[in-house]
Amino acid sequence: MRATFPGDNFVAVAMRHINEPPPSVREKRPEISPRLDAAIRKAMAKDPRDRFGSMDELCAELTACLGEESPTSGAQTMIVAPQRRGRPAARAPRERPSVWPLVMLLAGLAVLAGILAAVFAFTDASDKIGVGGKKKTSGTVAAPVRLSGIGAFDPTGGDGEHDSAAGNATDGDPATYWNTEHYSGGLSKDGVGLVLGAGGKQLTRLVLTSDTPGFTAEIESGSSRNGPFGPVSKPQTVGNRTTFALTGGKAAYYVIWITDLGPNESAKVNEVTARGR
């Protein structure tokens, strides 16, 4: 025979109440509409799957219930018997509106808000925990990176390519610029570039503005201002404002490597901005 304990009856009663559906407000306040009563019971349902899917859905249902409860929705015409002249007819005392429906509604909303807060807190905590209980690390958001114009990169020409004007490309003034030398009949070498200092940052995006659209360029990176450099973007035909998506790790230097002047005799780089981490 199984031994019984004083707490067994309490546990049985508690489990029975837990499994029971929420009580009906209409048991105490029969004037409450069945729709409002159903909305309150749904908001207080023990199983989350039986509740409203969102706060917007709950608010929409409560608004509809209040519309049904409005004086214009169920108004009835009252016929008053004619009164004798002289003594005015006594007015019937006005019944004070009950606050219990509002109290029950607010209680239901408070319970629902607590449940949603617990669900969101649990979801947020689980998102931060990876497989095996390890904490997940979120990616760093790309932020603006301050660039500095270092000089020209001209491995096969050696004519300088306006080194002294390199800072114009990063001075924040689009009216100033760095430009290549002038070439008649196209660029007579593999390429020429503008070297930018990035302070060892990993750039993820570079935006180039130019007054001479139509030339072709790609972005390369390296650990020395004199190269060698390796490509970190695809070649693109540059417009007035062109964005390069960059790959690769951190680098001390980046170079705008120009391989084709297009319709121009000289290519201008008016301003360069970047984002990275």
C-alpha atoms as a PDB file:
ATOM      1  CA  MET A   1       0.000   0.000   0.000  1.00  0.00           C
ATOM      2  CA  ARG A   2       1.326   3.426  -0.916  1.00  0.00           C
ATOM      3  CA  ALA A   3       1.863   5.739   2.028  1.00  0.00           C
ATOM      4  CA  THR A   4      -0.050   9.025   1.932  1.00  0.00           C
ATOM      5  CA  PHE A   5       1.246  12.375   3.069  1.00  0.00           C
ATOM      6  CA  PRO A   6      -0.564  15.517   4.225  1.00  0.00           C
ATOM      7  CA  GLY A   7       0.493  17.366   1.087  1.00  0.00           C
ATOM      8  CA  ASP A   8      -0.942  14.799  -1.365  1.00  0.00           C
ATOM      9  CA  ASN A   9      -4.446  16.261  -1.345  1.00  0.00           C
ATOM     10  CA  PHE A  10      -3.108  19.770  -1.834  1.00  0.00           C
ATOM     11  CA  VAL A  11      -1.060  18.658  -4.857  1.00  0.00           C
ATOM     12  CA  ALA A  12      -4.045  16.881  -6.388  1.00  0.00           C
ATOM     13  CA  VAL A  13      -6.290  19.923  -5.933  1.00  0.00           C
ATOM     14  CA  ALA A  14      -3.614  22.225  -7.349  1.00  0.00           C
ATOM     15  CA  MET A  15      -3.089  20.051 -10.424  1.00  0.00           C
ATOM     16  CA  ARG A  16      -6.841  19.939 -11.016  1.00  0.00           C
ATOM     17  CA  HIS A  17      -7.064  23.748 -10.907  1.00  0.00           C
ATOM     18  CA  ILE A  18      -4.062  24.109 -13.195  1.00  0.00           C
ATOM     19  CA  ASN A  19      -5.740  21.984 -15.850  1.00  0.00           C
ATOM     20  CA  GLU A  20      -9.070  23.805 -15.560  1.00  0.00           C
ATOM     21  CA  PRO A  21      -9.877  26.507 -18.135  1.00  0.00           C
ATOM     22  CA  PRO A  22      -9.936  30.163 -16.981  1.00  0.00           C
ATOM     23  CA  PRO A  23     -13.183  31.147 -15.179  1.00  0.00           C
ATOM     24  CA  SER A  24     -15.853  33.094 -17.029  1.00  0.00           C
ATOM     25  CA  VAL A  25     -16.309  36.739 -16.056  1.00  0.00           C
ATOM     26  CA  ARG A  26     -20.000  36.350 -16.827  1.00  0.00           C
ATOM     27  CA  GLU A  27     -20.409  34.135 -13.768  1.00  0.00           C
ATOM     28  CA  LYS A  28     -20.013  37.278 -11.660  1.00  0.00           C
ATOM     29  CA  ARG A  29     -21.000  39.938 -14.195  1.00  0.00           C
ATOM     30  CA  PRO A  30     -23.656  38.488 -16.540  1.00  0.00           C
ATOM     31  CA  GLU A  31     -24.072  41.852 -18.288  1.00  0.00           C
ATOM     32  CA  ILE A  32     -20.622  41.414 -19.882  1.00  0.00           C
ATOM     33  CA  SER A  33     -20.978  40.490 -23.542  1.00  0.00           C
ATOM     34  CA  PRO A  34     -20.047  36.904 -24.510  1.00  0.00           C
ATOM     35  CA  ARG A  35     -17.448  38.254 -26.949  1.00  0.00           C
ATOM     36  CA  LEU A  36     -15.605  40.282 -24.269  1.00  0.00           C
ATOM     37  CA  ASP A  37     -15.817  37.310 -21.902  1.00  0.00           C
ATOM     38  CA  ALA A  38     -14.311  35.058 -24.583  1.00  0.00           C
ATOM     39  CA  ALA A  39     -11.523  37.571 -25.273  1.00  0.00           C
ATOM     40  CA  ILE A  40     -10.560  37.738 -21.561  1.00  0.00           C
ATOM     41  CA  ARG A  41     -10.568  33.956 -21.239  1.00  0.00           C
ATOM     42  CA  LYS A  42      -8.431  33.600 -24.373  1.00  0.00           C
ATOM     43  CA  ALA A  43      -5.909  36.170 -23.051  1.00  0.00           C
ATOM     44  CA  MET A  44      -5.679  34.239 -19.741  1.00  0.00           C
ATOM     45  CA  ALA A  45      -5.446  30.770 -21.308  1.00  0.00           C
ATOM     46  CA  LYS A  46      -2.842  28.549 -19.631  1.00  0.00           C
ATOM     47  CA  ASP A  47      -1.568  27.063 -22.883  1.00  0.00           C
ATOM     48  CA  PRO A  48       0.346  29.729 -24.912  1.00  0.00           C
ATOM     49  CA  ARG A  49      -0.994  28.179 -28.114  1.00  0.00           C
ATOM     50  CA  ASP A  50      -4.542  29.057 -27.020  1.00  0.00           C
ATOM     51  CA  ARG A  51      -3.739  32.761 -26.469  1.00  0.00           C
ATOM     52  CA  PHE A  52      -3.694  35.644 -28.922  1.00  0.00           C
ATOM     53  CA  GLY A  53      -0.809  35.518 -31.378  1.00  0.00           C
ATOM     54  CA  SER A  54       0.270  39.124 -30.750  1.00  0.00           C
ATOM     55  CA  MET A  55      -0.591  42.302 -28.847  1.00  0.00           C
ATOM     56  CA  ASP A  56      -1.984  43.771 -32.091  1.00  0.00           C
ATOM     57  CA  GLU A  57      -4.419  40.874 -32.364  1.00  0.00           C
ATOM     58  CA  LEU A  58      -5.504  41.311 -28.713  1.00  0.00           C
ATOM     59  CA  CYS A  59      -5.960  45.088 -29.117  1.00  0.00           C
ATOM     60  CA  ALA A  60      -8.017  44.585 -32.286  1.00  0.00           C
ATOM     61  CA  GLU A  61     -10.331  42.149 -30.515  1.00  0.00           C
ATOM     62  CA  LEU A  62     -10.750  44.462 -27.482  1.00  0.00           C
ATOM     63  CA  THR A  63     -11.538  47.373 -29.802  1.00  0.00           C
ATOM     64  CA  ALA A  64     -14.227  45.278 -31.472  1.00  0.00           C
ATOM     65  CA  CYS A  65     -15.648  44.323 -28.065  1.00  0.00           C
ATOM     66  CA  LEU A  66     -15.776  47.958 -26.967  1.00  0.00           C
ATOM     67  CA  GLY A  67     -17.594  48.777 -30.221  1.00  0.00           C
ATOM     68  CA  GLU A  68     -20.247  46.217 -29.377  1.00  0.00           C
ATOM     69  CA  GLU A  69     -20.524  47.638 -25.846  1.00  0.00           C
ATOM     70  CA  SER A  70     -21.008  51.241 -27.094  1.00  0.00           C
ATOM     71  CA  PRO A  71     -24.387  52.891 -26.411  1.00  0.00           C
ATOM     72  CA  THR A  72     -25.152  53.160 -30.148  1.00  0.00           C
ATOM     73  CA  SER A  73     -24.705  49.458 -30.827  1.00  0.00           C
ATOM     74  CA  GLY A  74     -27.589  48.152 -28.709  1.00  0.00           C
ATOM     75  CA  ALA A  75     -29.687  51.177 -27.893  1.00  0.00           C
ATOM     76  CA  GLN A  76     -33.367  50.523 -27.130  1.00  0.00           C
ATOM     77  CA  THR A  77     -36.264  52.954 -27.394  1.00  0.00           C
ATOM     78  CA  MET A  78     -38.034  53.689 -24.096  1.00  0.00           C
ATOM     79  CA  ILE A  79     -41.642  54.943 -24.165  1.00  0.00           C
ATOM     80  CA  VAL A  80     -42.436  57.181 -21.196  1.00  0.00           C
ATOM     81  CA  ALA A  81     -46.027  57.520 -19.975  1.00  0.00           C
ATOM     82  CA  PRO A  82     -47.414  61.067 -20.055  1.00  0.00           C
ATOM     83  CA  GLN A  83     -47.115  62.885 -16.734  1.00  0.00           C
ATOM     84  CA  ARG A  84     -49.697  65.035 -15.108  1.00  0.00           C
ATOM     85  CA  ARG A  85     -49.035  68.743 -15.117  1.00  0.00           C
ATOM     86  CA  GLY A  86     -47.785  70.313 -11.990  1.00  0.00           C
ATOM     87  CA  ARG A  87     -45.459  68.151 -10.082  1.00  0.00           C
ATOM     88  CA  PRO A  88     -42.468  67.061 -12.209  1.00  0.00           C
ATOM     89  CA  ALA A  89     -41.890  63.359 -12.518  1.00  0.00           C
ATOM     90  CA  ALA A  90     -39.111  62.010 -10.359  1.00  0.00           C
ATOM     91  CA  ARG A  91     -36.090  60.827 -12.290  1.00  0.00           C
ATOM     92  CA  ALA A  92     -34.949  57.296 -11.838  1.00  0.00           C
ATOM     93  CA  PRO A  93     -31.579  57.134 -10.082  1.00  0.00           C
ATOM     94  CA  ARG A  94     -28.753  56.640 -12.574  1.00  0.00           C
ATOM     95  CA  GLU A  95     -26.884  53.449 -12.041  1.00  0.00           C
ATOM     96  CA  ARG A  96     -23.192  53.988 -11.556  1.00  0.00           C
ATOM     97  CA  PRO A  97     -21.121  52.040 -14.071  1.00  0.00           C
ATOM     98  CA  SER A  98     -19.307  49.088 -12.610  1.00  0.00           C
ATOM     99  CA  VAL A  99     -15.517  49.085 -12.691  1.00  0.00           C
ATOM    100  CA  TRP A 100     -15.228  45.317 -12.378  1.00  0.00           C
ATOM    101  CA  PRO A 101     -15.162  44.589 -16.140  1.00  0.00           C
ATOM    102  CA  LEU A 102     -12.275  47.030 -16.530  1.00  0.00           C
ATOM    103  CA  VAL A 103     -10.477  45.525 -13.530  1.00  0.00           C
ATOM    104  CA  MET A 104     -10.830  42.016 -14.957  1.00  0.00           C
ATOM    105  CA  LEU A 105      -9.655  43.220 -18.360  1.00  0.00           C
ATOM    106  CA  LEU A 106      -6.587  44.943 -16.905  1.00  0.00           C
ATOM    107  CA  ALA A 107      -5.798  41.862 -14.848  1.00  0.00           C
ATOM    108  CA  GLY A 108      -5.924  39.720 -17.964  1.00  0.00           C
ATOM    109  CA  LEU A 109      -3.666  42.133 -19.835  1.00  0.00           C
ATOM    110  CA  ALA A 110      -1.187  42.159 -16.946  1.00  0.00           C
ATOM    111  CA  VAL A 111      -1.034  38.358 -16.964  1.00  0.00           C
ATOM    112  CA  LEU A 112      -0.567  38.328 -20.730  1.00  0.00           C
ATOM    113  CA  ALA A 113       2.160  40.985 -20.562  1.00  0.00           C
ATOM    114  CA  GLY A 114       4.009  38.959 -17.945  1.00  0.00           C
ATOM    115  CA  ILE A 115       3.829  35.839 -20.080  1.00  0.00           C
ATOM    116  CA  LEU A 116       5.081  37.679 -23.165  1.00  0.00           C
ATOM    117  CA  ALA A 117       7.933  39.268 -21.195  1.00  0.00           C
ATOM    118  CA  ALA A 118       9.001  35.848 -19.936  1.00  0.00           C
ATOM    119  CA  VAL A 119       8.832  34.378 -23.436  1.00  0.00           C
ATOM    120  CA  PHE A 120      10.907  37.224 -24.909  1.00  0.00           C
ATOM    121  CA  ALA A 121      13.455  36.987 -22.101  1.00  0.00           C
ATOM    122  CA  PHE A 122      13.823  33.253 -22.630  1.00  0.00           C
ATOM    123  CA  THR A 123      14.088  33.681 -26.399  1.00  0.00           C
ATOM    124  CA  ASP A 124      16.745  36.384 -26.040  1.00  0.00           C
ATOM    125  CA  ALA A 125      18.736  34.238 -23.640  1.00  0.00           C
ATOM    126  CA  SER A 126      18.536  31.197 -25.901  1.00  0.00           C
ATOM    127  CA  ASP A 127      19.681  33.234 -28.891  1.00  0.00           C
ATOM    128  CA  LYS A 128      22.846  34.123 -26.989  1.00  0.00           C
ATOM    129  CA  ILE A 129      23.629  30.487 -26.141  1.00  0.00           C
ATOM    130  CA  GLY A 130      25.014  28.284 -28.882  1.00  0.00           C
ATOM    131  CA  VAL A 131      25.454  24.523 -29.192  1.00  0.00           C
ATOM    132  CA  GLY A 132      26.956  22.967 -26.080  1.00  0.00           C
ATOM    133  CA  GLY A 133      26.023  25.946 -23.904  1.00  0.00           C
ATOM    134  CA  LYS A 134      28.662  28.221 -25.417  1.00  0.00           C
ATOM    135  CA  LYS A 135      27.864  31.910 -25.644  1.00  0.00           C
ATOM    136  CA  LYS A 136      27.332  33.190 -29.169  1.00  0.00           C
ATOM    137  CA  THR A 137      29.331  36.188 -30.339  1.00  0.00           C
ATOM    138  CA  SER A 138      27.586  38.653 -32.615  1.00  0.00           C
ATOM    139  CA  GLY A 139      29.370  40.249 -35.553  1.00  0.00           C
ATOM    140  CA  THR A 140      30.758  43.739 -35.172  1.00  0.00           C
ATOM    141  CA  VAL A 141      28.744  46.405 -36.935  1.00  0.00           C
ATOM    142  CA  ALA A 142      30.667  48.173 -39.674  1.00  0.00           C
ATOM    143  CA  ALA A 143      31.566  51.748 -38.726  1.00  0.00           C
ATOM    144  CA  PRO A 144      33.131  54.659 -40.627  1.00  0.00           C
ATOM    145  CA  VAL A 145      36.909  54.350 -40.999  1.00  0.00           C
ATOM    146  CA  ARG A 146      39.129  57.399 -41.337  1.00  0.00           C
ATOM    147  CA  LEU A 147      41.363  57.079 -44.399  1.00  0.00           C
ATOM    148  CA  SER A 148      44.464  59.079 -45.288  1.00  0.00           C
ATOM    149  CA  GLY A 149      45.850  59.693 -48.753  1.00  0.00           C
ATOM    150  CA  ILE A 150      49.432  58.364 -48.754  1.00  0.00           C
ATOM    151  CA  GLY A 151      50.596  58.762 -52.336  1.00  0.00           C
ATOM    152  CA  ALA A 152      50.528  57.253 -55.820  1.00  0.00           C
ATOM    153  CA  PHE A 153      51.396  53.664 -56.668  1.00  0.00           C
ATOM    154  CA  ASP A 154      53.143  53.493 -60.043  1.00  0.00           C
ATOM    155  CA  PRO A 155      55.307  50.339 -60.159  1.00  0.00           C
ATOM    156  CA  THR A 156      56.035  50.537 -63.908  1.00  0.00           C
ATOM    157  CA  GLY A 157      56.020  54.260 -64.627  1.00  0.00           C
ATOM    158  CA  GLY A 158      57.982  55.945 -61.899  1.00  0.00           C
ATOM    159  CA  ASP A 159      56.751  59.425 -62.816  1.00  0.00           C
ATOM    160  CA  GLY A 160      55.086  60.163 -59.474  1.00  0.00           C
ATOM    161  CA  GLU A 161      51.438  60.420 -60.570  1.00  0.00           C
ATOM    162  CA  HIS A 162      50.838  63.534 -58.428  1.00  0.00           C
ATOM    163  CA  ASP A 163      51.957  62.163 -55.055  1.00  0.00           C
ATOM    164  CA  SER A 164      51.551  65.546 -53.391  1.00  0.00           C
ATOM    165  CA  ALA A 165      47.807  65.622 -54.197  1.00  0.00           C
ATOM    166  CA  ALA A 166      47.007  62.244 -52.566  1.00  0.00           C
ATOM    167  CA  GLY A 167      45.610  63.908 -49.436  1.00  0.00           C
ATOM    168  CA  ASN A 168      42.936  65.682 -51.489  1.00  0.00           C
ATOM    169  CA  ALA A 169      41.095  62.375 -51.904  1.00  0.00           C
ATOM    170  CA  THR A 170      40.473  62.043 -48.153  1.00  0.00           C
ATOM    171  CA  ASP A 171      40.118  65.673 -47.002  1.00  0.00           C
ATOM    172  CA  GLY A 172      36.309  65.639 -46.959  1.00  0.00           C
ATOM    173  CA  ASP A 173      36.094  68.232 -49.752  1.00  0.00           C
ATOM    174  CA  PRO A 174      34.735  66.785 -53.041  1.00  0.00           C
ATOM    175  CA  ALA A 175      35.928  69.903 -54.882  1.00  0.00           C
ATOM    176  CA  THR A 176      39.561  68.813 -54.448  1.00  0.00           C
ATOM    177  CA  TYR A 177      40.986  65.670 -56.029  1.00  0.00           C
ATOM    178  CA  TRP A 178      43.913  63.416 -56.809  1.00  0.00           C
ATOM    179  CA  ASN A 179      44.346  62.511 -60.472  1.00  0.00           C
ATOM    180  CA  THR A 180      46.569  60.406 -62.680  1.00  0.00           C
ATOM    181  CA  GLU A 181      48.937  61.836 -65.254  1.00  0.00           C
ATOM    182  CA  HIS A 182      47.440  62.586 -68.670  1.00  0.00           C
ATOM    183  CA  TYR A 183      47.691  59.795 -71.243  1.00  0.00           C
ATOM    184  CA  SER A 184      46.861  60.218 -74.911  1.00  0.00           C
ATOM    185  CA  GLY A 185      45.447  57.087 -76.485  1.00  0.00           C
ATOM    186  CA  GLY A 186      44.818  55.255 -73.225  1.00  0.00           C
ATOM    187  CA  LEU A 187      46.824  54.066 -70.248  1.00  0.00           C
ATOM    188  CA  SER A 188      50.195  52.820 -71.475  1.00  0.00           C
ATOM    189  CA  LYS A 189      50.881  50.493 -68.494  1.00  0.00           C
ATOM    190  CA  ASP A 190      49.270  47.716 -66.452  1.00  0.00           C
ATOM    191  CA  GLY A 191      47.808  50.229 -64.061  1.00  0.00           C
ATOM    192  CA  VAL A 192      48.341  53.088 -61.662  1.00  0.00           C
ATOM    193  CA  GLY A 193      46.881  53.619 -58.230  1.00  0.00           C
ATOM    194  CA  LEU A 194      46.223  55.805 -55.218  1.00  0.00           C
ATOM    195  CA  VAL A 195      47.473  54.411 -51.884  1.00  0.00           C
ATOM    196  CA  LEU A 196      45.286  54.965 -48.805  1.00  0.00           C
ATOM    197  CA  GLY A 197      46.238  54.385 -45.183  1.00  0.00           C
ATOM    198  CA  ALA A 198      43.570  52.529 -43.150  1.00  0.00           C
ATOM    199  CA  GLY A 199      45.372  52.089 -39.828  1.00  0.00           C
ATOM    200  CA  GLY A 200      45.197  48.307 -39.874  1.00  0.00           C
ATOM    201  CA  LYS A 201      41.395  48.204 -40.180  1.00  0.00           C
ATOM    202  CA  GLN A 202      39.395  45.612 -42.084  1.00  0.00           C
ATOM    203  CA  LEU A 203      37.411  47.579 -44.645  1.00  0.00           C
ATOM    204  CA  THR A 204      34.111  46.146 -45.818  1.00  0.00           C
ATOM    205  CA  ARG A 205      32.967  48.938 -48.122  1.00  0.00           C
ATOM    206  CA  LEU A 206      34.657  51.773 -49.981  1.00  0.00           C
ATOM    207  CA  VAL A 207      32.825  54.614 -51.765  1.00  0.00           C
ATOM    208  CA  LEU A 208      34.598  56.563 -54.502  1.00  0.00           C
ATOM    209  CA  THR A 209      33.375  59.824 -56.048  1.00  0.00           C
ATOM    210  CA  SER A 210      34.845  61.153 -59.286  1.00  0.00           C
ATOM    211  CA  ASP A 211      34.401  63.963 -61.800  1.00  0.00           C
ATOM    212  CA  THR A 212      35.681  61.674 -64.596  1.00  0.00           C
ATOM    213  CA  PRO A 213      33.338  58.646 -64.746  1.00  0.00           C
ATOM    214  CA  GLY A 214      34.047  55.803 -67.125  1.00  0.00           C
ATOM    215  CA  PHE A 215      37.437  54.518 -65.932  1.00  0.00           C
ATOM    216  CA  THR A 216      37.913  50.986 -64.585  1.00  0.00           C
ATOM    217  CA  ALA A 217      39.302  50.309 -61.102  1.00  0.00           C
ATOM    218  CA  GLU A 218      39.496  47.680 -58.373  1.00  0.00           C
ATOM    219  CA  ILE A 219      40.517  47.844 -54.717  1.00  0.00           C
ATOM    220  CA  GLU A 220      43.627  46.020 -53.489  1.00  0.00           C
ATOM    221  CA  SER A 221      45.268  45.799 -50.054  1.00  0.00           C
ATOM    222  CA  GLY A 222      48.684  45.116 -48.557  1.00  0.00           C
ATOM    223  CA  SER A 223      50.917  45.557 -45.538  1.00  0.00           C
ATOM    224  CA  SER A 224      53.330  48.059 -47.147  1.00  0.00           C
ATOM    225  CA  ARG A 225      52.652  51.324 -48.920  1.00  0.00           C
ATOM    226  CA  ASN A 226      55.001  50.170 -51.685  1.00  0.00           C
ATOM    227  CA  GLY A 227      53.212  46.837 -52.227  1.00  0.00           C
ATOM    228  CA  PRO A 228      52.769  44.124 -53.066  1.00  0.00           C
ATOM    229  CA  PHE A 229      48.980  44.442 -53.100  1.00  0.00           C
ATOM    230  CA  GLY A 230      46.301  41.830 -53.655  1.00  0.00           C
ATOM    231  CA  PRO A 231      42.731  42.398 -54.918  1.00  0.00           C
ATOM    232  CA  VAL A 232      39.926  42.605 -52.346  1.00  0.00           C
ATOM    233  CA  SER A 233      37.143  43.681 -54.731  1.00  0.00           C
ATOM    234  CA  LYS A 234      35.895  43.030 -58.227  1.00  0.00           C
ATOM    235  CA  PRO A 235      36.831  45.462 -61.025  1.00  0.00           C
ATOM    236  CA  GLN A 236      34.163  48.059 -61.690  1.00  0.00           C
ATOM    237  CA  THR A 237      33.507  50.867 -64.119  1.00  0.00           C
ATOM    238  CA  VAL A 238      33.507  53.958 -61.941  1.00  0.00           C
ATOM    239  CA  GLY A 239      30.627  56.437 -62.081  1.00  0.00           C
ATOM    240  CA  ASN A 240      30.210  59.731 -60.269  1.00  0.00           C
ATOM    241  CA  ARG A 241      29.674  57.741 -57.059  1.00  0.00           C
ATOM    242  CA  THR A 242      30.641  54.073 -56.929  1.00  0.00           C
ATOM    243  CA  THR A 243      30.564  51.604 -54.024  1.00  0.00           C
ATOM    244  CA  PHE A 244      33.064  48.737 -53.829  1.00  0.00           C
ATOM    245  CA  ALA A 245      32.228  45.747 -51.618  1.00  0.00           C
ATOM    246  CA  LEU A 246      35.461  44.503 -50.038  1.00  0.00           C
ATOM    247  CA  THR A 247      36.577  41.100 -48.780  1.00  0.00           C
ATOM    248  CA  GLY A 248      39.691  39.978 -46.927  1.00  0.00           C
ATOM    249  CA  GLY A 249      41.137  40.687 -43.499  1.00  0.00           C
ATOM    250  CA  LYS A 250      42.732  43.683 -41.857  1.00  0.00           C
ATOM    251  CA  ALA A 251      45.269  45.695 -43.807  1.00  0.00           C
ATOM    252  CA  ALA A 252      47.445  48.729 -43.206  1.00  0.00           C
ATOM    253  CA  TYR A 253      47.106  50.024 -46.775  1.00  0.00           C
ATOM    254  CA  TYR A 254      44.551  49.925 -49.568  1.00  0.00           C
ATOM    255  CA  VAL A 255      45.067  51.048 -53.147  1.00  0.00           C
ATOM    256  CA  ILE A 256      42.589  52.208 -55.772  1.00  0.00           C
ATOM    257  CA  TRP A 257      44.122  50.375 -58.726  1.00  0.00           C
ATOM    258  CA  ILE A 258      43.126  51.950 -62.067  1.00  0.00           C
ATOM    259  CA  THR A 259      43.571  49.663 -65.086  1.00  0.00           C
ATOM    260  CA  ASP A 260      41.676  51.509 -67.836  1.00  0.00           C
ATOM    261  CA  LEU A 261      41.015  55.225 -68.287  1.00  0.00           C
ATOM    262  CA  GLY A 262      37.957  54.638 -70.471  1.00  0.00           C
ATOM    263  CA  PRO A 263      37.067  57.827 -72.384  1.00  0.00           C
ATOM    264  CA  ASN A 264      39.361  59.957 -70.197  1.00  0.00           C
ATOM    265  CA  GLU A 265      42.948  61.073 -70.640  1.00  0.00           C
ATOM    266  CA  SER A 266      43.251  61.362 -66.837  1.00  0.00           C
ATOM    267  CA  ALA A 267      41.210  59.798 -64.022  1.00  0.00           C
ATOM    268  CA  LYS A 268      40.200  61.845 -60.949  1.00  0.00           C
ATOM    269  CA  VAL A 269      39.489  60.592 -57.441  1.00  0.00           C
ATOM    270  CA  ASN A 270      37.680  63.451 -55.719  1.00  0.00           C
ATOM    271  CA  GLU A 271      36.779  61.741 -52.451  1.00  0.00           C
ATOM    272  CA  VAL A 272      37.054  58.297 -50.831  1.00  0.00           C
ATOM    273  CA  THR A 273      35.151  57.120 -47.744  1.00  0.00           C
ATOM    274  CA  ALA A 274      35.068  53.687 -46.139  1.00  0.00           C
ATOM    275  CA  ARG A 275      33.359  51.537 -43.516  1.00  0.00           C
ATOM    276  CA  GLY A 276      34.851  48.569 -41.725  1.00  0.00           C
ATOM    277  CA  ARG A 277      35.828  47.129 -38.372  1.00  0.00           C
END
